[in-house]
N, C-alpha and C. Protein backbone atom coordinates (compact mmCIF):
# COMPACT_ATOMS: atom_id res chain seq x y z
N MET A 1 48.23 -136.78 65.89
CA MET A 1 47.81 -137.05 64.54
C MET A 1 46.65 -136.12 64.13
N ASN A 2 46.82 -135.39 62.99
CA ASN A 2 45.73 -134.49 62.49
C ASN A 2 44.61 -135.29 62.08
N VAL A 3 43.62 -134.39 61.74
CA VAL A 3 42.21 -135.04 61.19
C VAL A 3 42.64 -135.67 59.92
N ALA A 4 43.09 -135.01 58.79
CA ALA A 4 43.34 -135.44 57.86
C ALA A 4 43.90 -136.66 57.49
N LYS A 5 45.44 -136.78 58.39
CA LYS A 5 46.14 -138.02 58.36
C LYS A 5 45.20 -139.09 59.02
N GLN A 6 44.42 -138.94 60.16
CA GLN A 6 43.69 -139.92 60.77
C GLN A 6 42.28 -140.45 59.69
N ALA A 7 41.88 -139.49 59.01
CA ALA A 7 40.86 -140.15 57.82
C ALA A 7 41.45 -140.98 56.61
N VAL A 8 42.66 -140.70 56.56
CA VAL A 8 43.33 -141.68 55.51
C VAL A 8 43.74 -142.79 56.09
N THR A 9 44.24 -142.75 57.39
CA THR A 9 44.58 -143.95 58.01
C THR A 9 43.36 -144.92 58.37
N ASP A 10 42.24 -144.45 58.55
CA ASP A 10 40.97 -145.21 58.77
C ASP A 10 40.36 -145.91 57.48
N CYS A 11 40.88 -144.99 56.22
CA CYS A 11 40.50 -145.35 55.00
C CYS A 11 41.25 -146.80 54.61
N LEU A 12 42.51 -146.74 55.01
CA LEU A 12 43.42 -147.68 54.91
C LEU A 12 43.12 -149.13 55.67
N GLU A 13 42.62 -148.87 57.06
CA GLU A 13 42.61 -149.81 57.81
C GLU A 13 41.07 -150.61 57.33
N LEU A 14 40.09 -149.81 56.67
CA LEU A 14 39.00 -150.38 56.05
C LEU A 14 39.26 -151.22 54.56
N GLY A 15 40.44 -151.23 54.35
CA GLY A 15 40.72 -151.79 53.03
C GLY A 15 41.02 -151.19 51.83
N ALA A 16 40.92 -150.01 51.96
CA ALA A 16 41.00 -148.87 50.56
C ALA A 16 42.63 -148.99 50.25
N ARG A 17 42.66 -149.36 48.78
CA ARG A 17 43.91 -149.14 48.46
C ARG A 17 44.17 -148.40 47.33
N GLU A 18 43.07 -147.90 46.78
CA GLU A 18 42.76 -146.92 45.74
C GLU A 18 42.27 -145.50 46.20
N PHE A 19 42.66 -144.52 45.71
CA PHE A 19 42.06 -142.96 45.85
C PHE A 19 42.02 -142.49 44.49
N VAL A 20 40.79 -142.09 44.35
CA VAL A 20 40.29 -141.10 43.27
C VAL A 20 40.26 -139.88 43.73
N LEU A 21 41.10 -138.69 43.00
CA LEU A 21 41.34 -137.42 43.68
C LEU A 21 40.66 -136.48 42.74
N CYS A 22 39.85 -135.39 43.18
CA CYS A 22 39.49 -134.42 42.53
C CYS A 22 39.85 -133.25 43.13
N SER A 23 41.07 -132.80 42.92
CA SER A 23 41.77 -131.53 43.57
C SER A 23 40.97 -130.39 43.53
N GLY A 24 41.48 -129.70 44.72
CA GLY A 24 41.01 -128.58 45.25
C GLY A 24 41.59 -127.72 46.13
N ALA A 25 41.53 -126.50 46.60
CA ALA A 25 42.08 -126.11 47.60
C ALA A 25 41.89 -126.42 49.11
N ARG A 26 40.62 -126.94 49.21
CA ARG A 26 40.09 -127.33 50.45
C ARG A 26 40.47 -129.02 50.89
N ASN A 27 40.97 -129.35 49.84
CA ASN A 27 41.47 -131.10 50.22
C ASN A 27 42.73 -131.11 49.90
N LEU A 28 43.37 -130.03 50.07
CA LEU A 28 45.11 -130.02 49.75
C LEU A 28 45.60 -130.89 51.11
N ASP A 29 45.35 -130.79 52.17
CA ASP A 29 46.04 -131.52 52.97
C ASP A 29 45.77 -133.03 52.80
N LEU A 30 44.58 -133.41 52.26
CA LEU A 30 44.44 -134.86 52.31
C LEU A 30 45.17 -135.41 51.04
N ILE A 31 45.27 -134.80 49.74
CA ILE A 31 45.85 -135.17 48.64
C ILE A 31 47.46 -135.18 49.24
N SER A 32 47.99 -134.30 49.89
CA SER A 32 49.46 -134.26 50.08
C SER A 32 49.73 -135.47 50.91
N ILE A 33 48.73 -135.85 51.99
CA ILE A 33 48.93 -136.96 52.89
C ILE A 33 48.92 -138.24 51.85
N ILE A 34 47.82 -138.34 51.00
CA ILE A 34 47.74 -139.56 50.22
C ILE A 34 48.96 -139.84 49.43
N HIS A 35 49.52 -138.78 49.01
CA HIS A 35 50.72 -138.98 47.91
C HIS A 35 52.01 -139.11 48.63
N THR A 36 51.89 -139.46 50.01
CA THR A 36 53.16 -139.59 50.85
C THR A 36 53.32 -141.27 51.00
N ILE A 37 51.87 -141.84 50.77
CA ILE A 37 51.70 -143.30 50.97
C ILE A 37 52.17 -144.22 50.06
N GLN A 38 52.84 -145.35 50.26
CA GLN A 38 53.50 -146.04 49.13
C GLN A 38 52.50 -147.26 49.47
N GLY A 39 52.48 -147.90 48.06
CA GLY A 39 51.49 -149.05 47.96
C GLY A 39 50.22 -148.66 47.64
N ILE A 40 49.74 -147.58 47.48
CA ILE A 40 48.63 -147.21 47.14
C ILE A 40 48.47 -146.93 45.72
N ARG A 41 47.15 -147.06 45.04
CA ARG A 41 47.26 -146.37 43.65
C ARG A 41 46.38 -145.29 43.51
N THR A 42 46.77 -144.02 42.88
CA THR A 42 45.79 -142.80 42.80
C THR A 42 45.40 -142.34 41.60
N TYR A 43 44.15 -141.83 41.21
CA TYR A 43 43.87 -141.57 40.00
C TYR A 43 43.42 -140.04 39.93
N ASN A 44 43.49 -139.24 38.94
CA ASN A 44 43.20 -137.76 39.11
C ASN A 44 41.93 -137.70 38.15
N PHE A 45 41.20 -136.78 38.81
CA PHE A 45 39.98 -136.35 37.72
C PHE A 45 39.68 -134.92 37.78
N PRO A 46 39.29 -134.21 36.90
CA PRO A 46 39.17 -132.94 37.03
C PRO A 46 37.55 -132.47 37.34
N GLU A 47 36.88 -133.59 37.30
CA GLU A 47 35.22 -133.44 37.41
C GLU A 47 34.81 -134.81 38.41
N GLU A 48 33.91 -134.32 39.49
CA GLU A 48 33.56 -135.27 40.46
C GLU A 48 32.70 -136.35 39.95
N ARG A 49 31.67 -136.11 38.97
CA ARG A 49 30.52 -137.09 38.51
C ARG A 49 31.25 -138.33 37.96
N SER A 50 32.11 -138.04 37.02
CA SER A 50 32.70 -139.03 36.56
C SER A 50 33.80 -139.67 37.33
N ALA A 51 34.39 -139.35 38.30
CA ALA A 51 35.36 -139.64 39.17
C ALA A 51 34.50 -140.69 39.99
N SER A 52 33.39 -140.26 40.44
CA SER A 52 32.69 -141.17 41.55
C SER A 52 32.30 -142.44 40.33
N PHE A 53 31.78 -142.32 39.36
CA PHE A 53 31.46 -144.04 38.65
C PHE A 53 32.82 -144.32 38.53
N PHE A 54 33.90 -143.89 38.21
CA PHE A 54 34.96 -144.39 37.87
C PHE A 54 35.48 -145.17 39.34
N ALA A 55 35.39 -144.61 40.22
CA ALA A 55 35.72 -145.12 41.80
C ALA A 55 34.70 -146.40 41.89
N MET A 56 33.44 -146.24 41.64
CA MET A 56 32.58 -147.18 41.55
C MET A 56 33.34 -148.55 40.91
N GLY A 57 33.45 -148.43 39.64
CA GLY A 57 34.29 -149.47 38.64
C GLY A 57 35.34 -150.13 39.25
N ARG A 58 36.34 -149.17 39.94
CA ARG A 58 37.55 -149.80 40.66
C ARG A 58 37.17 -150.53 41.80
N SER A 59 36.19 -150.21 42.48
CA SER A 59 35.71 -151.00 43.56
C SER A 59 35.28 -152.53 43.35
N VAL A 60 34.18 -152.63 42.10
CA VAL A 60 33.95 -153.88 41.75
C VAL A 60 35.15 -154.32 41.22
N LYS A 61 35.96 -153.92 40.37
CA LYS A 61 37.21 -154.55 39.65
C LYS A 61 38.18 -155.23 40.92
N GLU A 62 38.36 -154.43 41.67
CA GLU A 62 39.19 -154.84 42.88
C GLU A 62 38.61 -155.45 44.23
N ASN A 63 37.38 -155.31 44.31
CA ASN A 63 36.81 -155.92 45.12
C ASN A 63 37.00 -155.53 46.61
N ALA A 64 37.05 -154.19 46.66
CA ALA A 64 37.56 -153.52 47.73
C ALA A 64 37.23 -152.05 47.92
N PRO A 65 37.03 -151.41 48.83
CA PRO A 65 36.53 -149.78 48.68
C PRO A 65 37.54 -148.79 47.88
N THR A 66 37.14 -147.85 47.25
CA THR A 66 37.87 -146.97 46.55
C THR A 66 37.36 -145.68 47.11
N VAL A 67 38.38 -145.11 47.51
CA VAL A 67 38.09 -143.63 48.23
C VAL A 67 37.84 -142.72 46.97
N ILE A 68 37.04 -141.71 47.45
CA ILE A 68 36.76 -140.38 46.24
C ILE A 68 37.21 -139.16 47.14
N VAL A 69 37.91 -138.39 46.80
CA VAL A 69 38.49 -137.45 47.74
C VAL A 69 38.22 -136.25 46.90
N THR A 70 37.42 -135.23 47.42
CA THR A 70 36.86 -134.08 46.50
C THR A 70 36.75 -132.80 47.70
N THR A 71 36.47 -131.62 47.01
CA THR A 71 36.47 -130.35 47.82
C THR A 71 35.16 -130.42 48.24
N SER A 72 34.85 -129.40 49.19
CA SER A 72 33.47 -129.42 49.99
C SER A 72 32.47 -128.64 48.87
N GLY A 73 31.27 -128.65 49.53
CA GLY A 73 30.12 -127.75 48.84
C GLY A 73 29.68 -128.57 47.64
N THR A 74 29.21 -128.07 46.54
CA THR A 74 28.71 -128.53 45.40
C THR A 74 29.50 -129.99 44.91
N ALA A 75 30.72 -129.77 44.85
CA ALA A 75 31.38 -131.03 44.61
C ALA A 75 31.08 -132.28 45.12
N VAL A 76 30.56 -132.19 46.29
CA VAL A 76 30.13 -133.51 46.84
C VAL A 76 28.64 -133.67 46.34
N ALA A 77 27.71 -132.88 46.14
CA ALA A 77 26.60 -133.14 45.54
C ALA A 77 26.87 -134.08 44.08
N GLU A 78 27.88 -133.78 43.49
CA GLU A 78 28.38 -134.45 42.25
C GLU A 78 28.33 -135.81 42.41
N LEU A 79 28.61 -136.43 43.45
CA LEU A 79 29.10 -137.52 43.80
C LEU A 79 27.51 -138.40 43.97
N LEU A 80 26.57 -137.81 44.35
CA LEU A 80 25.20 -138.46 44.67
C LEU A 80 24.91 -139.71 43.51
N PRO A 81 24.69 -139.46 42.53
CA PRO A 81 24.30 -140.42 41.72
C PRO A 81 25.32 -141.82 41.83
N ALA A 82 26.44 -141.64 41.79
CA ALA A 82 27.16 -142.94 42.04
C ALA A 82 27.07 -143.66 43.46
N VAL A 83 26.98 -142.72 44.46
CA VAL A 83 26.83 -143.13 45.79
C VAL A 83 25.22 -143.95 45.91
N ILE A 84 24.26 -143.12 45.31
CA ILE A 84 23.12 -144.26 45.14
C ILE A 84 23.31 -145.42 44.63
N GLU A 85 23.78 -145.28 43.26
CA GLU A 85 24.02 -146.72 42.42
C GLU A 85 25.05 -147.99 43.37
N SER A 86 25.90 -147.34 43.76
CA SER A 86 26.73 -147.89 44.56
C SER A 86 26.17 -148.71 45.77
N PHE A 87 25.09 -147.70 46.63
CA PHE A 87 24.29 -148.46 47.41
C PHE A 87 23.49 -149.71 47.20
N TYR A 88 22.76 -149.33 46.00
CA TYR A 88 21.91 -150.55 45.46
C TYR A 88 22.58 -151.56 44.95
N GLN A 89 23.90 -151.48 44.49
CA GLN A 89 24.58 -152.60 44.00
C GLN A 89 25.70 -153.14 45.15
N SER A 90 25.40 -152.50 46.24
CA SER A 90 26.42 -152.96 47.35
C SER A 90 27.68 -152.92 47.29
N VAL A 91 28.41 -151.91 46.39
CA VAL A 91 29.87 -151.72 45.95
C VAL A 91 30.20 -150.37 47.24
N PRO A 92 31.32 -151.23 47.43
CA PRO A 92 31.66 -149.78 48.51
C PRO A 92 32.65 -148.84 47.91
N ILE A 93 32.14 -147.38 48.03
CA ILE A 93 32.86 -146.34 47.85
C ILE A 93 33.07 -145.55 48.80
């Protein structure tokens, strides 16, 4: 099993059933694998900051972790405000 498939499998085993996707060239393998899985819900966002706060809201509503998939680099930095908020609110993203 490749690393991307294992990462998605691990997220599913931890209870994630919703994935927020911010497409890019570097995360194409992950997104391709996610789109083959039945029984999960995906949301597409063009921008990481709003995607991360949306994921936080979905986690609260569903009472389960929501996965955010983004490219590397500064895209990850855009997640930081929602990650900090989620930490202090004990919301799994």
